Amino acid sequence: MGNEKHGDDPAKPIDLASSDPEYNGYPISKHRSCWVHVIGSLKARKKKISKQEAQKLRDFRLTAPCFLGNIPCRQRSKRRVKSKNSISKQTNRLDSGAFECYMEKLWSSFPEEKRTSFAYFDCQWFAWYRKASFREKVLSWIKREQIFSKKYVLVPVVCWSHWSLLIFCHFGESLQSETKTPCMLLLDSLEIANPRRLEPDIRKFVLDIYRAEGRPEKKEMIYRIPLLVPKVPQQRDGEECGKFVLYFINLFVEGAPENFSIEGYPYFMRKDWFNAEGVECFCEKLDSFGK
């Protein structure tokens, strides 16, 4: 450990956005908003959009700044968020450090019987995995979580300055199981930005997790694990994606079925799953934890 270069130490704070790959020939700035995420996605799809979609984009453009803050240390933060920075009052951003603080509060509020069935990743791990210099270390951290013994694994994803939630279901079960179906859920409060643009990275991520664990499943079978994108409630502006991910986590842990199957999909994950008032009430409740 003493021989590692300090510049390669993943415990050192890094600026995720400034070191992201280029997209469409332009470097991703840490001040790019969800608006850039939307436009880039539509360009990537290379197809015309309807008048209704165009109007949604014009409306969304007025409220776009969904900032991604600097990435703090690899360890889960021990900081406490002061009341003046409370999630229910934040208007500009929910950065990774604040997200981890709230995630710790939320996780500790769940009953023990729920926590034994779930695991969750640090919100930085997926982004770090995408960087070749950190990939092996991230996979080693994931291996310690023993995710193949859990029913569900919560993977917060922050990419292109936007938050979404990836959930692994029944990864420890046979890939041929029909009653406990190994699958993935991708919950995104900004559907117009095309959540499936993350699918190539997600599938490579999952393949490498299986390989790092020494699992016997073949690559072809792993790549056939379903990735489901349910129609969930959508954010109203460019600043709510982090809050929505925390609320997705809260409601999914509370309502997840004992055995997830494709036949029962999408369960409770529908467009009318919750409303905006529910999100705000949840954020106020989260701020009250630990006071």
Protein backbone atom coordinates (compact mmCIF):
# COMPACT_ATOMS: atom_id res chain seq x y z
CA MET A 1 0.00 0.00 0.00
CA GLY A 2 2.86 2.35 0.78
CA ASN A 3 4.08 2.08 -2.80
CA GLU A 4 0.85 3.33 -4.35
CA LYS A 5 1.00 6.68 -6.06
CA HIS A 6 -1.01 9.27 -4.24
CA GLY A 7 -2.55 10.45 -7.48
CA ASP A 8 -4.09 7.02 -8.06
CA ASP A 9 -5.52 6.65 -4.57
CA PRO A 10 -9.31 6.28 -4.82
CA ALA A 11 -9.61 7.60 -1.26
CA LYS A 12 -8.52 11.00 -2.53
CA PRO A 13 -11.34 13.39 -3.52
CA ILE A 14 -11.75 13.62 -7.27
CA ASP A 15 -13.94 15.64 -9.57
CA LEU A 16 -15.99 13.03 -11.39
CA ALA A 17 -17.44 15.25 -14.06
CA SER A 18 -14.21 16.96 -15.06
CA SER A 19 -12.57 13.58 -15.65
CA ASP A 20 -15.50 11.95 -17.46
CA PRO A 21 -14.99 10.88 -21.08
CA GLU A 22 -15.96 13.21 -23.87
CA TYR A 23 -19.49 13.01 -25.18
CA ASN A 24 -20.20 13.93 -28.81
CA GLY A 25 -16.72 15.47 -28.90
CA TYR A 26 -17.21 17.78 -25.94
CA PRO A 27 -15.82 17.24 -22.41
CA ILE A 28 -18.44 16.81 -19.71
CA SER A 29 -18.18 19.83 -17.40
CA LYS A 30 -19.14 19.48 -13.75
CA HIS A 31 -21.59 22.30 -14.31
CA ARG A 32 -23.46 20.50 -17.09
CA SER A 33 -27.09 20.06 -16.16
CA CYS A 34 -29.82 17.50 -16.68
CA TRP A 35 -30.61 19.60 -19.77
CA VAL A 36 -27.32 18.44 -21.33
CA HIS A 37 -28.21 14.89 -20.29
CA VAL A 38 -31.53 15.17 -22.14
CA ILE A 39 -30.14 16.74 -25.33
CA GLY A 40 -27.23 14.28 -25.53
CA SER A 41 -29.59 11.38 -25.18
CA LEU A 42 -31.88 12.57 -27.93
CA LYS A 43 -28.93 13.11 -30.26
CA ALA A 44 -27.68 9.62 -29.47
CA ARG A 45 -31.04 8.17 -30.50
CA LYS A 46 -30.69 9.90 -33.90
CA LYS A 47 -34.37 10.30 -34.52
CA LYS A 48 -36.86 13.11 -34.73
CA ILE A 49 -38.88 14.00 -31.68
CA SER A 50 -42.59 14.74 -31.55
CA LYS A 51 -44.05 18.20 -30.91
CA GLN A 52 -45.06 17.02 -27.45
CA GLU A 53 -41.50 15.94 -26.64
CA ALA A 54 -40.17 19.22 -28.00
CA GLN A 55 -42.49 21.16 -25.72
CA LYS A 56 -41.39 19.07 -22.74
CA LEU A 57 -37.79 19.92 -23.57
CA ARG A 58 -38.56 23.62 -23.80
CA ASP A 59 -40.33 23.49 -20.44
CA PHE A 60 -37.54 21.48 -18.86
CA ARG A 61 -34.85 23.81 -20.16
CA LEU A 62 -36.17 26.56 -17.91
CA THR A 63 -35.45 24.54 -14.78
CA ALA A 64 -32.36 22.58 -15.73
CA PRO A 65 -29.44 22.92 -13.23
CA CYS A 66 -29.07 19.46 -11.72
CA PHE A 67 -25.48 19.77 -10.52
CA LEU A 68 -23.09 17.01 -9.60
CA GLY A 69 -20.76 18.09 -6.83
CA ASN A 70 -17.19 16.94 -6.22
CA ILE A 71 -16.79 13.29 -5.35
CA PRO A 72 -15.54 12.90 -1.75
CA CYS A 73 -13.64 9.96 -0.26
CA ARG A 74 -14.41 6.33 -1.06
CA GLN A 75 -15.53 5.58 2.50
CA ARG A 76 -19.11 6.30 3.40
CA SER A 77 -19.26 9.75 4.87
CA LYS A 78 -19.51 10.24 8.63
CA ARG A 79 -20.56 13.87 8.22
CA ARG A 80 -23.91 15.16 9.35
CA VAL A 81 -25.77 17.58 7.15
CA LYS A 82 -26.57 20.83 8.88
CA SER A 83 -30.17 22.01 8.91
CA LYS A 84 -29.48 24.95 6.60
CA ASN A 85 -28.40 22.41 3.96
CA SER A 86 -31.32 20.06 4.60
CA ILE A 87 -32.57 18.01 1.70
CA SER A 88 -36.04 19.54 1.88
CA LYS A 89 -34.52 23.02 1.51
CA GLN A 90 -31.79 22.35 -1.04
CA THR A 91 -32.55 24.01 -4.34
CA ASN A 92 -29.35 23.70 -6.39
CA ARG A 93 -27.97 20.21 -5.99
CA LEU A 94 -27.68 17.01 -4.00
CA ASP A 95 -24.04 16.04 -4.31
CA SER A 96 -22.57 12.63 -3.56
CA GLY A 97 -21.40 13.56 -0.06
CA ALA A 98 -24.85 14.77 0.99
CA PHE A 99 -26.47 11.78 -0.71
CA GLU A 100 -24.37 9.35 1.33
CA CYS A 101 -25.26 11.14 4.57
CA TYR A 102 -28.95 10.83 3.82
CA MET A 103 -28.54 7.24 2.64
CA GLU A 104 -26.94 6.32 5.97
CA LYS A 105 -29.84 7.92 7.83
CA LEU A 106 -32.36 6.12 5.66
CA TRP A 107 -30.62 2.76 5.92
CA SER A 108 -30.46 2.93 9.71
CA SER A 109 -34.22 3.62 9.82
CA PHE A 110 -35.09 0.30 8.16
CA PRO A 111 -35.96 -2.69 10.39
CA GLU A 112 -33.24 -5.30 10.82
CA GLU A 113 -35.25 -7.93 8.93
CA LYS A 114 -35.32 -5.65 5.89
CA ARG A 115 -31.61 -4.88 6.00
CA THR A 116 -30.69 -8.57 6.05
CA SER A 117 -32.36 -9.04 2.64
CA PHE A 118 -30.78 -5.95 1.07
CA ALA A 119 -27.35 -4.52 0.37
CA TYR A 120 -26.48 -1.14 -1.08
CA PHE A 121 -23.47 0.27 -2.86
CA ASP A 122 -21.75 3.55 -2.18
CA CYS A 123 -23.12 6.06 -4.69
CA GLN A 124 -19.62 6.59 -6.15
CA TRP A 125 -18.88 2.98 -7.07
CA PHE A 126 -20.61 2.78 -10.44
CA ALA A 127 -18.98 6.03 -11.61
CA TRP A 128 -15.58 4.85 -10.39
CA TYR A 129 -16.03 1.47 -12.06
CA ARG A 130 -16.31 3.30 -15.38
CA LYS A 131 -12.77 4.60 -14.83
CA ALA A 132 -10.26 1.90 -15.75
CA SER A 133 -7.77 2.95 -13.05
CA PHE A 134 -10.31 2.27 -10.25
CA ARG A 135 -12.17 -0.68 -11.73
CA GLU A 136 -10.37 -3.51 -9.93
CA LYS A 137 -10.60 -1.77 -6.57
CA VAL A 138 -14.31 -1.16 -6.97
CA LEU A 139 -14.88 -4.82 -7.82
CA SER A 140 -12.92 -5.85 -4.72
CA TRP A 141 -15.10 -3.58 -2.54
CA ILE A 142 -18.24 -5.06 -4.09
CA LYS A 143 -17.01 -8.58 -3.40
CA ARG A 144 -16.93 -7.79 0.33
CA GLU A 145 -20.65 -6.95 0.22
CA GLN A 146 -21.55 -10.60 -0.54
CA ILE A 147 -24.34 -9.51 -2.85
CA PHE A 148 -25.12 -13.03 -4.06
CA SER A 149 -26.49 -13.82 -0.61
CA LYS A 150 -28.96 -10.89 -0.77
CA LYS A 151 -32.37 -10.71 -2.40
CA TYR A 152 -31.90 -7.13 -3.53
CA VAL A 153 -28.94 -4.82 -4.08
CA LEU A 154 -29.47 -1.06 -4.36
CA VAL A 155 -27.05 0.71 -6.69
CA PRO A 156 -27.37 4.52 -6.77
CA VAL A 157 -26.03 5.77 -10.10
CA VAL A 158 -24.80 9.29 -10.81
CA CYS A 159 -23.78 9.72 -14.42
CA TRP A 160 -23.77 12.76 -16.72
CA SER A 161 -24.79 14.90 -13.75
CA HIS A 162 -27.98 12.92 -13.20
CA TRP A 163 -29.11 10.47 -10.49
CA SER A 164 -30.95 7.20 -11.12
CA LEU A 165 -31.35 3.92 -9.24
CA LEU A 166 -30.26 0.47 -10.37
CA ILE A 167 -31.53 -2.57 -8.42
CA PHE A 168 -30.17 -6.11 -8.70
CA CYS A 169 -32.81 -8.73 -7.90
CA HIS A 170 -32.07 -12.33 -6.87
CA PHE A 171 -28.55 -12.45 -8.31
CA GLY A 172 -27.80 -15.47 -6.15
CA GLU A 173 -30.53 -17.56 -7.79
CA SER A 174 -30.36 -19.70 -10.91
CA LEU A 175 -30.64 -17.66 -14.10
CA GLN A 176 -33.36 -20.12 -15.20
CA SER A 177 -35.50 -19.55 -12.09
CA GLU A 178 -39.08 -18.44 -12.76
CA THR A 179 -40.19 -17.82 -9.17
CA LYS A 180 -37.12 -15.82 -8.08
CA THR A 181 -36.13 -14.18 -11.33
CA PRO A 182 -32.62 -12.72 -11.51
CA CYS A 183 -33.16 -9.35 -13.14
CA MET A 184 -32.29 -5.67 -12.93
CA LEU A 185 -34.51 -2.65 -12.44
CA LEU A 186 -33.53 0.84 -13.56
CA LEU A 187 -35.63 3.57 -11.96
CA ASP A 188 -35.22 7.00 -13.52
CA SER A 189 -37.21 10.17 -12.82
CA LEU A 190 -36.13 11.63 -16.18
CA GLU A 191 -37.49 9.15 -18.71
CA ILE A 192 -37.22 11.60 -21.60
CA ALA A 193 -33.42 11.33 -21.31
CA ASN A 194 -33.53 7.64 -22.30
CA PRO A 195 -32.35 5.65 -19.24
CA ARG A 196 -31.31 2.73 -21.46
CA ARG A 197 -28.31 4.68 -22.66
CA LEU A 198 -26.66 3.29 -19.50
CA GLU A 199 -27.33 -0.32 -20.47
CA PRO A 200 -23.93 -1.12 -22.10
CA ASP A 201 -22.06 0.08 -19.00
CA ILE A 202 -24.49 -1.69 -16.67
CA ARG A 203 -24.13 -5.01 -18.48
CA LYS A 204 -20.34 -4.82 -18.46
CA PHE A 205 -20.48 -3.90 -14.76
CA VAL A 206 -22.63 -6.93 -13.96
CA LEU A 207 -20.47 -9.28 -16.03
CA ASP A 208 -17.35 -8.14 -14.19
CA ILE A 209 -19.11 -8.59 -10.81
CA TYR A 210 -19.96 -12.19 -11.71
CA ARG A 211 -16.40 -12.83 -12.89
CA ALA A 212 -14.84 -11.24 -9.79
CA GLU A 213 -16.95 -13.58 -7.64
CA GLY A 214 -15.82 -16.60 -9.65
CA ARG A 215 -19.40 -17.46 -10.55
CA PRO A 216 -19.97 -20.34 -13.02
CA GLU A 217 -22.54 -18.57 -15.20
CA LYS A 218 -21.47 -18.03 -18.82
CA LYS A 219 -21.20 -14.59 -20.38
CA GLU A 220 -24.08 -15.26 -22.77
CA MET A 221 -26.42 -16.06 -19.88
CA ILE A 222 -25.31 -13.07 -17.81
CA TYR A 223 -25.95 -10.73 -20.73
CA ARG A 224 -29.48 -12.14 -20.97
CA ILE A 225 -30.42 -11.04 -17.44
CA PRO A 226 -33.46 -8.78 -18.03
CA LEU A 227 -32.99 -5.05 -17.52
CA LEU A 228 -36.43 -3.61 -16.77
CA VAL A 229 -37.22 0.10 -16.84
CA PRO A 230 -40.58 0.69 -15.15
CA LYS A 231 -42.66 3.82 -15.77
CA VAL A 232 -42.19 5.72 -12.51
CA PRO A 233 -43.21 9.23 -11.39
CA GLN A 234 -41.16 11.96 -13.05
CA GLN A 235 -39.31 14.92 -11.54
CA ARG A 236 -40.80 18.36 -12.10
CA ASP A 237 -37.54 20.21 -12.70
CA GLY A 238 -33.79 19.72 -13.04
CA GLU A 239 -33.00 19.59 -9.33
CA GLU A 240 -35.02 16.69 -7.94
CA CYS A 241 -33.33 13.55 -9.28
CA GLY A 242 -31.30 12.88 -6.11
CA LYS A 243 -34.37 13.24 -3.91
CA PHE A 244 -36.30 10.89 -6.16
CA VAL A 245 -33.61 8.21 -5.93
CA LEU A 246 -33.69 8.32 -2.14
CA TYR A 247 -37.47 8.08 -2.22
CA PHE A 248 -37.33 5.20 -4.72
CA ILE A 249 -35.05 3.39 -2.27
CA ASN A 250 -37.33 4.08 0.69
CA LEU A 251 -40.47 2.86 -1.04
CA PHE A 252 -38.83 -0.14 -2.70
CA VAL A 253 -37.39 -1.43 0.58
CA GLU A 254 -40.80 -1.02 2.22
CA GLY A 255 -42.76 -2.73 -0.56
CA ALA A 256 -40.40 -5.18 -2.28
CA PRO A 257 -42.01 -8.60 -2.79
CA GLU A 258 -40.61 -11.61 -0.98
CA ASN A 259 -39.77 -13.16 -4.34
CA PHE A 260 -39.46 -10.91 -7.40
CA SER A 261 -40.72 -12.46 -10.64
CA ILE A 262 -41.19 -11.14 -14.16
CA GLU A 263 -44.83 -12.29 -14.03
CA GLY A 264 -45.60 -9.83 -11.23
CA TYR A 265 -43.69 -6.91 -12.80
CA PRO A 266 -44.00 -3.93 -12.44
CA TYR A 267 -45.67 -4.50 -9.06
CA PHE A 268 -46.10 -1.09 -7.41
CA MET A 269 -43.63 0.71 -9.70
CA ARG A 270 -46.05 2.69 -11.83
CA LYS A 271 -46.52 6.28 -12.93
CA ASP A 272 -48.96 6.87 -10.06
CA TRP A 273 -46.68 5.25 -7.46
CA PHE A 274 -46.46 8.53 -5.52
CA ASN A 275 -46.91 12.27 -5.99
CA ALA A 276 -44.74 15.35 -5.49
CA GLU A 277 -46.14 15.96 -2.01
CA GLY A 278 -45.02 12.49 -1.01
CA VAL A 279 -41.45 13.31 -2.04
CA GLU A 280 -41.40 16.53 -0.02
CA CYS A 281 -42.89 14.87 3.08
CA PHE A 282 -40.26 12.15 2.81
CA CYS A 283 -37.45 14.72 2.56
CA GLU A 284 -38.71 16.54 5.67
CA LYS A 285 -38.87 13.23 7.52
CA LEU A 286 -35.34 12.37 6.42
CA ASP A 287 -34.07 15.70 7.74
CA SER A 288 -35.56 14.87 11.13
CA PHE A 289 -33.59 11.63 11.52
CA GLY A 290 -30.85 11.85 14.11
CA LYS A 291 -31.92 15.23 15.50
